[in-house]
N, C-alpha and C. Protein backbone atom coordinates (compact mmCIF):
# COMPACT_ATOMS: atom_id res chain seq x y z
N MET A 1 8.37 4.81 -14.79
CA MET A 1 9.14 4.18 -15.73
C MET A 1 10.45 4.77 -15.05
N ILE A 2 11.30 3.81 -14.74
CA ILE A 2 13.05 3.99 -14.59
C ILE A 2 13.64 3.62 -16.12
N LEU A 3 14.24 4.30 -16.90
CA LEU A 3 15.25 4.20 -17.70
C LEU A 3 16.59 4.23 -17.63
N ILE A 4 16.80 3.11 -18.04
CA ILE A 4 18.50 2.83 -17.40
C ILE A 4 19.07 2.77 -18.52
N TYR A 5 20.68 3.60 -18.56
CA TYR A 5 21.28 3.48 -19.68
C TYR A 5 23.09 2.98 -19.05
N GLU A 6 23.35 2.01 -20.05
CA GLU A 6 24.64 1.50 -19.25
C GLU A 6 25.22 0.96 -20.36
N PRO A 7 25.84 1.52 -21.23
CA PRO A 7 26.80 1.29 -22.17
C PRO A 7 28.50 0.18 -21.23
N LYS A 8 28.30 -0.68 -22.45
CA LYS A 8 29.79 -1.72 -21.92
C LYS A 8 30.60 -0.54 -21.45
N ASP A 9 31.11 0.55 -22.14
CA ASP A 9 32.18 1.12 -22.21
C ASP A 9 32.00 2.68 -21.47
N GLY A 10 30.94 3.35 -20.99
CA GLY A 10 30.51 4.43 -20.31
C GLY A 10 30.30 4.49 -19.44
N GLU A 11 29.61 5.50 -18.68
CA GLU A 11 28.84 5.59 -17.02
C GLU A 11 27.63 5.19 -17.44
N ARG A 12 26.69 4.61 -16.16
CA ARG A 12 25.88 4.14 -16.25
C ARG A 12 24.70 5.83 -15.89
N ARG A 13 23.57 5.74 -16.62
CA ARG A 13 22.81 6.25 -16.18
C ARG A 13 21.36 6.34 -16.21
N THR A 14 20.67 6.55 -15.40
CA THR A 14 19.42 6.34 -14.65
C THR A 14 18.36 7.66 -14.78
N TRP A 15 17.34 7.41 -15.17
CA TRP A 15 16.02 8.24 -15.16
C TRP A 15 14.51 7.74 -14.93
N ASP A 16 14.07 8.67 -14.13
CA ASP A 16 13.02 8.60 -13.43
C ASP A 16 11.92 9.15 -14.40
N LEU A 17 11.32 8.61 -15.31
CA LEU A 17 10.57 9.07 -16.29
C LEU A 17 9.52 9.68 -15.86
N SER A 18 8.91 9.80 -14.61
CA SER A 18 7.93 10.39 -14.09
C SER A 18 8.28 11.81 -13.65
N GLU A 19 9.62 12.17 -13.48
CA GLU A 19 9.63 13.37 -13.26
C GLU A 19 10.76 14.32 -14.26
N ILE A 20 10.37 13.48 -15.58
CA ILE A 20 11.34 14.40 -16.74
C ILE A 20 10.36 15.44 -17.25
N ASN A 21 10.95 16.42 -17.52
CA ASN A 21 10.05 17.40 -18.06
C ASN A 21 10.56 17.10 -19.39
N ILE A 22 9.40 17.63 -21.03
CA ILE A 22 10.10 17.33 -22.01
C ILE A 22 9.94 18.60 -22.70
N ARG A 23 10.73 19.28 -22.99
CA ARG A 23 9.87 20.32 -24.21
C ARG A 23 9.23 20.21 -25.10
N SER A 24 9.08 21.00 -25.91
CA SER A 24 8.63 20.82 -27.42
C SER A 24 9.05 20.11 -28.55
N SER A 25 10.19 20.85 -28.69
CA SER A 25 11.46 20.63 -29.42
C SER A 25 11.54 19.69 -29.86
N GLU A 26 12.21 19.02 -28.14
CA GLU A 26 12.52 17.50 -28.11
C GLU A 26 11.22 16.44 -28.57
N GLY A 27 10.28 16.81 -27.63
CA GLY A 27 9.51 15.78 -28.40
C GLY A 27 9.31 16.14 -30.29
N GLU A 28 9.47 17.24 -30.83
CA GLU A 28 9.51 17.18 -32.10
C GLU A 28 10.47 16.39 -33.07
N ASP A 29 11.60 16.16 -32.12
CA ASP A 29 13.25 15.62 -32.69
C ASP A 29 13.03 14.77 -33.11
N VAL A 30 12.41 13.95 -31.44
CA VAL A 30 12.06 12.50 -31.56
C VAL A 30 10.89 12.00 -32.64
N GLU A 31 9.92 12.84 -32.85
CA GLU A 31 9.07 12.66 -33.96
C GLU A 31 9.90 12.19 -35.24
N ARG A 32 10.88 13.24 -35.52
CA ARG A 32 11.27 13.30 -37.02
C ARG A 32 12.02 12.64 -36.92
N VAL A 33 13.04 11.49 -35.68
CA VAL A 33 13.80 10.90 -35.88
C VAL A 33 13.00 9.10 -36.37
N THR A 34 12.02 9.27 -35.56
CA THR A 34 11.25 7.61 -35.37
C THR A 34 10.13 7.96 -36.50
N GLY A 35 9.75 8.81 -36.92
CA GLY A 35 8.36 8.97 -38.09
C GLY A 35 7.36 8.57 -37.15
N ARG A 36 7.32 8.67 -35.77
CA ARG A 36 5.81 8.58 -34.97
C ARG A 36 5.82 9.48 -34.08
N GLU A 37 4.42 9.78 -34.34
CA GLU A 37 3.76 10.74 -32.48
C GLU A 37 4.48 10.72 -31.60
N PHE A 38 4.63 11.49 -30.74
CA PHE A 38 5.20 11.55 -29.52
C PHE A 38 4.53 10.90 -28.98
N ALA A 39 3.59 10.60 -28.68
CA ALA A 39 2.18 9.75 -27.56
C ALA A 39 2.48 8.46 -28.00
N GLU A 40 2.71 7.80 -29.37
CA GLU A 40 3.05 6.54 -29.70
C GLU A 40 4.72 6.04 -28.98
N VAL A 41 5.49 7.09 -29.26
CA VAL A 41 7.28 6.52 -28.44
C VAL A 41 7.21 6.21 -27.08
N MET A 42 5.90 7.05 -26.31
CA MET A 42 6.23 6.92 -25.17
C MET A 42 5.03 5.83 -24.56
N VAL A 43 4.06 5.56 -25.91
CA VAL A 43 3.85 3.64 -25.38
C VAL A 43 4.55 3.04 -25.73
N GLY A 44 5.51 2.88 -26.56
CA GLY A 44 6.63 2.34 -27.10
C GLY A 44 7.35 2.40 -25.78
N VAL A 45 7.96 3.15 -25.56
CA VAL A 45 8.65 3.15 -24.28
C VAL A 45 8.50 2.20 -23.29
N ARG A 46 7.01 2.28 -22.85
CA ARG A 46 6.54 1.44 -21.93
C ARG A 46 6.66 -0.17 -22.49
N ALA A 47 6.43 -0.36 -23.87
CA ALA A 47 6.46 -1.47 -24.25
C ALA A 47 7.77 -2.01 -24.51
N GLN A 48 8.99 -1.43 -24.04
CA GLN A 48 10.06 -1.48 -24.56
C GLN A 48 10.45 -1.98 -25.73
N ASP A 49 9.83 -1.12 -26.56
CA ASP A 49 9.63 -0.99 -28.30
C ASP A 49 11.25 -0.29 -28.74
N LEU A 50 12.29 -1.21 -29.60
CA LEU A 50 13.60 -0.84 -29.13
C LEU A 50 13.39 0.87 -30.13
N VAL A 51 13.12 1.19 -31.38
CA VAL A 51 13.25 2.71 -31.79
C VAL A 51 12.69 3.54 -30.61
N ALA A 52 11.22 3.25 -30.05
CA ALA A 52 11.02 4.07 -28.93
C ALA A 52 11.96 4.17 -28.12
N VAL A 53 12.47 3.25 -27.67
CA VAL A 53 13.51 3.42 -26.30
C VAL A 53 14.68 4.29 -26.85
N ARG A 54 15.23 3.68 -27.75
CA ARG A 54 16.40 4.44 -28.22
C ARG A 54 16.10 6.05 -28.56
N ALA A 55 15.28 6.43 -29.45
CA ALA A 55 15.28 7.67 -29.56
C ALA A 55 14.90 8.27 -28.47
N TYR A 56 13.98 8.19 -26.97
CA TYR A 56 14.24 8.55 -25.92
C TYR A 56 15.37 8.61 -25.05
N THR A 57 16.01 7.48 -24.83
CA THR A 57 16.98 7.67 -24.30
C THR A 57 18.18 9.10 -25.33
N TRP A 58 18.63 8.63 -26.61
CA TRP A 58 19.05 9.44 -27.43
C TRP A 58 18.54 10.99 -27.11
N MET A 59 17.47 11.33 -27.04
CA MET A 59 16.68 12.57 -26.54
C MET A 59 17.45 13.26 -25.02
N LEU A 60 17.39 12.00 -24.19
CA LEU A 60 17.81 12.40 -22.56
C LEU A 60 19.66 12.86 -22.48
N LEU A 61 20.19 11.91 -23.63
CA LEU A 61 21.55 12.13 -23.71
C LEU A 61 22.04 13.77 -24.23
N ARG A 62 20.90 13.83 -25.13
CA ARG A 62 21.09 14.44 -25.99
C ARG A 62 21.42 16.46 -25.10
N ARG A 63 20.91 16.37 -23.58
CA ARG A 63 20.80 16.92 -22.92
C ARG A 63 21.94 17.23 -22.62
N ASP A 64 23.17 17.00 -22.13
CA ASP A 64 24.41 16.83 -22.16
C ASP A 64 25.16 16.97 -23.18
N ASP A 65 25.06 16.51 -24.66
CA ASP A 65 25.37 16.49 -25.25
C ASP A 65 25.00 16.64 -26.59
N PRO A 66 24.64 18.21 -26.70
CA PRO A 66 23.81 18.87 -27.80
C PRO A 66 23.77 18.02 -29.37
N ALA A 67 25.22 17.72 -29.85
CA ALA A 67 26.04 17.58 -30.70
C ALA A 67 25.48 16.35 -31.33
N LEU A 68 25.11 14.97 -29.97
CA LEU A 68 24.98 14.26 -30.66
C LEU A 68 23.62 13.51 -31.44
N ARG A 69 23.90 12.89 -32.34
CA ARG A 69 23.32 12.46 -33.86
C ARG A 69 22.62 11.19 -32.95
N TYR A 70 21.18 10.90 -34.10
CA TYR A 70 20.58 10.15 -33.58
C TYR A 70 21.43 9.14 -34.10
N THR A 71 21.70 8.90 -35.61
CA THR A 71 22.80 7.82 -36.59
C THR A 71 23.81 7.75 -35.48
N SER A 72 24.59 8.46 -34.77
CA SER A 72 25.55 7.97 -34.01
C SER A 72 25.35 7.14 -32.66
N PHE A 73 23.81 7.51 -32.47
CA PHE A 73 23.34 6.81 -31.33
C PHE A 73 22.93 5.26 -31.42
N ASP A 74 23.63 4.05 -31.59
CA ASP A 74 23.73 2.95 -31.56
C ASP A 74 24.05 1.82 -30.47
N PRO A 75 23.29 2.01 -29.49
CA PRO A 75 23.36 1.13 -28.22
C PRO A 75 23.04 -0.40 -28.78
N PHE A 76 23.87 -1.28 -27.93
CA PHE A 76 23.67 -2.59 -27.58
C PHE A 76 22.36 -2.95 -27.36
N ILE A 77 22.14 -4.13 -27.94
CA ILE A 77 20.79 -4.36 -27.29
C ILE A 77 20.85 -5.12 -25.70
N GLY A 78 20.14 -4.44 -24.50
CA GLY A 78 20.71 -4.98 -23.50
C GLY A 78 21.17 -4.05 -22.13
N GLU A 79 21.71 -2.60 -23.24
CA GLU A 79 22.25 -1.50 -22.84
C GLU A 79 21.32 -0.71 -22.26
N ILE A 80 19.95 -0.72 -22.89
CA ILE A 80 18.92 0.50 -22.24
C ILE A 80 18.19 -0.68 -21.95
N LEU A 81 17.56 -0.25 -20.37
CA LEU A 81 17.18 -1.27 -19.75
C LEU A 81 15.76 -0.55 -19.40
N VAL A 82 14.30 -0.76 -19.16
CA VAL A 82 13.38 0.06 -18.93
C VAL A 82 12.59 -0.68 -18.05
N GLU A 83 12.45 -0.09 -16.50
CA GLU A 83 12.10 -1.09 -15.32
C GLU A 83 10.71 -0.01 -14.79
N LEU A 84 9.79 -0.76 -14.08
CA LEU A 84 8.77 -0.36 -12.66
C LEU A 84 9.51 0.41 -12.38
N SER A 85 8.98 1.64 -11.68
CA SER A 85 9.64 2.27 -10.74
C SER A 85 8.85 1.64 -9.30
N PRO A 86 9.76 1.93 -8.09
CA PRO A 86 9.31 1.10 -6.70
C PRO A 86 7.46 1.61 -6.85
N ALA A 87 7.38 2.80 -6.75
CA ALA A 87 6.09 3.33 -6.58
C ALA A 87 5.15 2.59 -7.80
N GLU A 88 5.36 2.13 -9.30
CA GLU A 88 4.75 1.44 -9.97
C GLU A 88 4.65 -0.22 -9.43
N ARG A 89 5.50 -0.37 -8.70
CA ARG A 89 5.14 -1.96 -8.22
C ARG A 89 4.60 -1.98 -7.31
N GLU A 90 4.43 -1.19 -6.45
CA GLU A 90 3.63 -1.19 -4.96
C GLU A 90 2.11 -0.75 -5.73
N GLU A 91 2.15 0.13 -6.62
CA GLU A 91 0.43 0.73 -6.88
C GLU A 91 -0.01 -1.23 -7.69
N ILE A 92 0.64 -1.72 -8.67
CA ILE A 92 0.30 -3.25 -8.97
C ILE A 92 0.09 -3.82 -8.12
N ALA A 93 1.27 -3.92 -7.32
CA ALA A 93 0.92 -4.87 -6.20
C ALA A 93 -0.04 -4.71 -5.45
N ALA A 94 -0.64 -3.15 -5.00
CA ALA A 94 -1.78 -3.17 -3.97
C ALA A 94 -3.22 -3.51 -5.06
N ASN A 95 -2.84 -3.11 -6.04
CA ASN A 95 -4.15 -3.30 -7.30
C ASN A 95 -4.07 -5.08 -7.45
N LEU A 96 -3.58 -5.68 -7.21
CA LEU A 96 -3.39 -7.25 -7.58
C LEU A 96 -4.00 -7.90 -5.82
N LEU A 97 -3.76 -7.22 -5.12
CA LEU A 97 -3.91 -7.67 -3.56
C LEU A 97 -5.45 -7.05 -3.17
N ARG A 98 -6.13 -6.63 -3.83
CA ARG A 98 -7.02 -5.82 -4.29
C ARG A 98 -8.21 -6.36 -4.61
N ASP A 99 -7.79 -6.50 -6.01
CA ASP A 99 -8.61 -6.88 -7.10
C ASP A 99 -8.41 -8.71 -7.00
N SER A 100 -7.61 -9.21 -6.21
CA SER A 100 -7.66 -10.71 -6.13
C SER A 100 -7.49 -11.50 -5.06
N PRO A 101 -8.88 -11.30 -4.13
CA PRO A 101 -9.11 -11.65 -2.82
C PRO A 101 -8.45 -13.37 -2.72
N GLU A 102 -8.63 -14.02 -4.19
CA GLU A 102 -8.16 -15.69 -4.24
C GLU A 102 -6.79 -16.10 -4.18
N MET A 103 -6.09 -14.93 -4.14
CA MET A 103 -4.95 -14.95 -4.01
C MET A 103 -4.09 -16.13 -3.08
N ASP A 104 -3.32 -17.09 -3.26
CA ASP A 104 -2.84 -18.17 -2.15
C ASP A 104 -1.47 -17.78 -1.77
N ASP A 105 -1.26 -18.32 -0.98
CA ASP A 105 0.18 -17.71 -0.16
C ASP A 105 1.46 -17.81 -1.30
N GLU A 106 1.25 -19.21 -1.81
CA GLU A 106 2.65 -18.68 -3.05
C GLU A 106 2.50 -17.48 -3.89
N GLU A 107 1.42 -17.01 -4.32
CA GLU A 107 1.09 -16.32 -5.46
C GLU A 107 1.31 -14.83 -4.35
N ARG A 108 1.33 -14.58 -3.03
CA ARG A 108 1.29 -13.85 -2.29
C ARG A 108 2.96 -13.70 -2.16
N ALA A 109 3.89 -14.67 -1.90
CA ALA A 109 5.04 -14.58 -1.70
C ALA A 109 6.04 -14.09 -3.11
N ASN A 110 5.35 -14.72 -4.21
CA ASN A 110 5.85 -14.12 -5.44
C ASN A 110 5.74 -12.58 -5.87
N LEU A 111 5.11 -12.25 -5.46
CA LEU A 111 4.10 -10.80 -5.63
C LEU A 111 5.34 -9.98 -4.64
N ALA A 112 5.80 -10.35 -3.58
CA ALA A 112 6.47 -9.51 -2.70
C ALA A 112 8.06 -9.98 -3.52
N GLU A 113 8.45 -11.19 -3.64
CA GLU A 113 9.55 -10.83 -4.64
C GLU A 113 9.83 -10.30 -5.41
N PHE A 114 8.70 -10.13 -6.25
CA PHE A 114 8.52 -8.80 -7.10
C PHE A 114 8.72 -7.73 -6.64
N LEU A 115 8.00 -7.06 -5.75
CA LEU A 115 8.85 -6.00 -5.11
C LEU A 115 10.13 -5.90 -4.61
N LYS A 116 10.57 -6.84 -4.40
CA LYS A 116 11.73 -6.73 -3.73
C LYS A 116 12.73 -6.46 -4.61
N GLY A 117 12.60 -6.50 -5.94
CA GLY A 117 13.46 -6.16 -6.78
C GLY A 117 13.46 -4.75 -6.93
N ALA A 118 12.51 -4.08 -6.33
CA ALA A 118 12.48 -2.16 -6.70
C ALA A 118 13.02 -2.07 -5.13
N ARG A 119 12.68 -2.75 -4.32
CA ARG A 119 12.94 -1.65 -3.13
C ARG A 119 13.86 -2.22 -1.89
N GLY A 120 13.92 -3.69 -2.03
CA GLY A 120 15.10 -4.56 -1.21
C GLY A 120 14.35 -4.66 -0.31
N ASP A 121 14.46 -5.18 1.31
CA ASP A 121 13.74 -5.97 1.91
C ASP A 121 12.72 -4.97 2.78
N GLY A 122 11.58 -5.12 3.72
CA GLY A 122 11.18 -4.56 4.20
C GLY A 122 9.98 -5.20 5.05
N PRO A 123 9.58 -4.66 5.95
CA PRO A 123 8.32 -5.26 7.04
C PRO A 123 7.57 -4.88 5.88
N GLU A 124 7.09 -4.37 4.87
CA GLU A 124 5.77 -3.91 4.21
C GLU A 124 5.56 -4.93 3.00
N LEU A 125 6.96 -5.02 2.87
CA LEU A 125 6.90 -6.23 1.76
C LEU A 125 6.17 -8.01 2.27
N ASP A 126 6.86 -8.16 3.77
CA ASP A 126 6.58 -9.08 4.36
C ASP A 126 5.19 -9.49 4.78
N ALA A 127 4.46 -8.53 5.07
CA ALA A 127 3.17 -8.23 5.11
C ALA A 127 2.35 -9.16 3.85
N ILE A 128 2.89 -8.53 2.59
CA ILE A 128 2.07 -8.86 1.76
C ILE A 128 2.26 -9.93 1.05
N ALA A 129 3.61 -10.82 1.55
CA ALA A 129 4.06 -12.26 1.42
C ALA A 129 3.06 -13.00 2.50
N ALA A 130 2.68 -12.71 3.29
CA ALA A 130 2.28 -13.04 4.62
C ALA A 130 0.80 -13.80 4.45
N PRO A 131 0.83 -15.33 4.78
CA PRO A 131 -0.57 -15.97 4.42
C PRO A 131 -1.81 -15.24 4.77
N LYS A 132 -2.79 -15.57 3.98
CA LYS A 132 -3.95 -15.00 4.33
C LYS A 132 -4.29 -14.24 5.37
N GLY A 133 -4.28 -15.33 6.20
CA GLY A 133 -5.22 -15.14 7.29
C GLY A 133 -4.14 -13.88 8.84
N GLN A 134 -2.96 -13.74 8.26
CA GLN A 134 -2.30 -12.92 9.14
C GLN A 134 -2.39 -11.55 8.86
N ASP A 135 -2.24 -10.78 9.97
CA ASP A 135 -2.77 -9.05 9.37
C ASP A 135 -1.02 -8.64 9.02
N GLN A 136 -1.14 -7.62 9.26
CA GLN A 136 0.06 -6.64 8.74
C GLN A 136 1.16 -6.97 9.90
N ASP A 137 0.19 -5.92 11.27
CA ASP A 137 1.37 -6.28 12.09
C ASP A 137 1.79 -7.59 12.44
N SER A 138 1.22 -8.79 12.53
CA SER A 138 1.92 -9.94 12.99
C SER A 138 2.92 -10.13 11.70
N ALA A 139 2.70 -9.61 10.65
CA ALA A 139 3.33 -10.44 9.74
C ALA A 139 4.94 -9.84 9.83
N SER A 140 5.02 -8.35 9.89
CA SER A 140 6.40 -7.82 10.01
C SER A 140 7.13 -7.53 11.56
N GLY A 141 6.29 -8.69 12.30
CA GLY A 141 6.66 -8.88 13.56
C GLY A 141 6.72 -7.86 14.63
N GLU A 142 5.82 -6.56 14.50
CA GLU A 142 5.70 -5.47 15.16
C GLU A 142 4.63 -5.86 16.18
N SER A 143 4.52 -5.74 16.93
CA SER A 143 2.93 -5.77 18.09
C SER A 143 2.32 -4.84 17.73
N PRO A 144 1.29 -4.77 17.77
CA PRO A 144 -0.12 -3.84 17.16
C PRO A 144 -0.38 -2.98 18.36
N THR A 145 0.34 -3.29 19.59
CA THR A 145 0.25 -2.29 20.89
C THR A 145 1.42 -1.47 21.08
N ALA A 146 2.47 -1.71 19.88
CA ALA A 146 3.92 -1.38 20.15
C ALA A 146 3.80 0.05 20.16
N GLY A 147 4.42 0.76 20.46
CA GLY A 147 4.59 2.30 20.73
C GLY A 147 5.78 2.80 20.22
């Protein structure tokens, strides 16, 4: 998951949550301000629960500003976003392709567009969007014998 905090009057901050190491004291602070177990807050972040996302963002911002009080951190709705990381999008796409062999060409194209939101254009995305009978090499425009 990618957490993005972009205040209207400040600097955009982005965190890849898979790379965040959290101290016990940080988790305890989040539990204290939310009244929830930290594991529940983490589930809430994935579900984009307002309290969970606000508390998690506050925890991260306190690393640079230890005096930041939770009650003082009151972002506008829309200033904090939670998105899937490129790796998570690819995993979802791979699972969908594996588990949904009946996926039609339009659904494959929609899946490729979903992935492009995280990665930009690329031959691997064209391969996903290719009609079912077409292999990855021909979808990407590469010859299977090109070296």
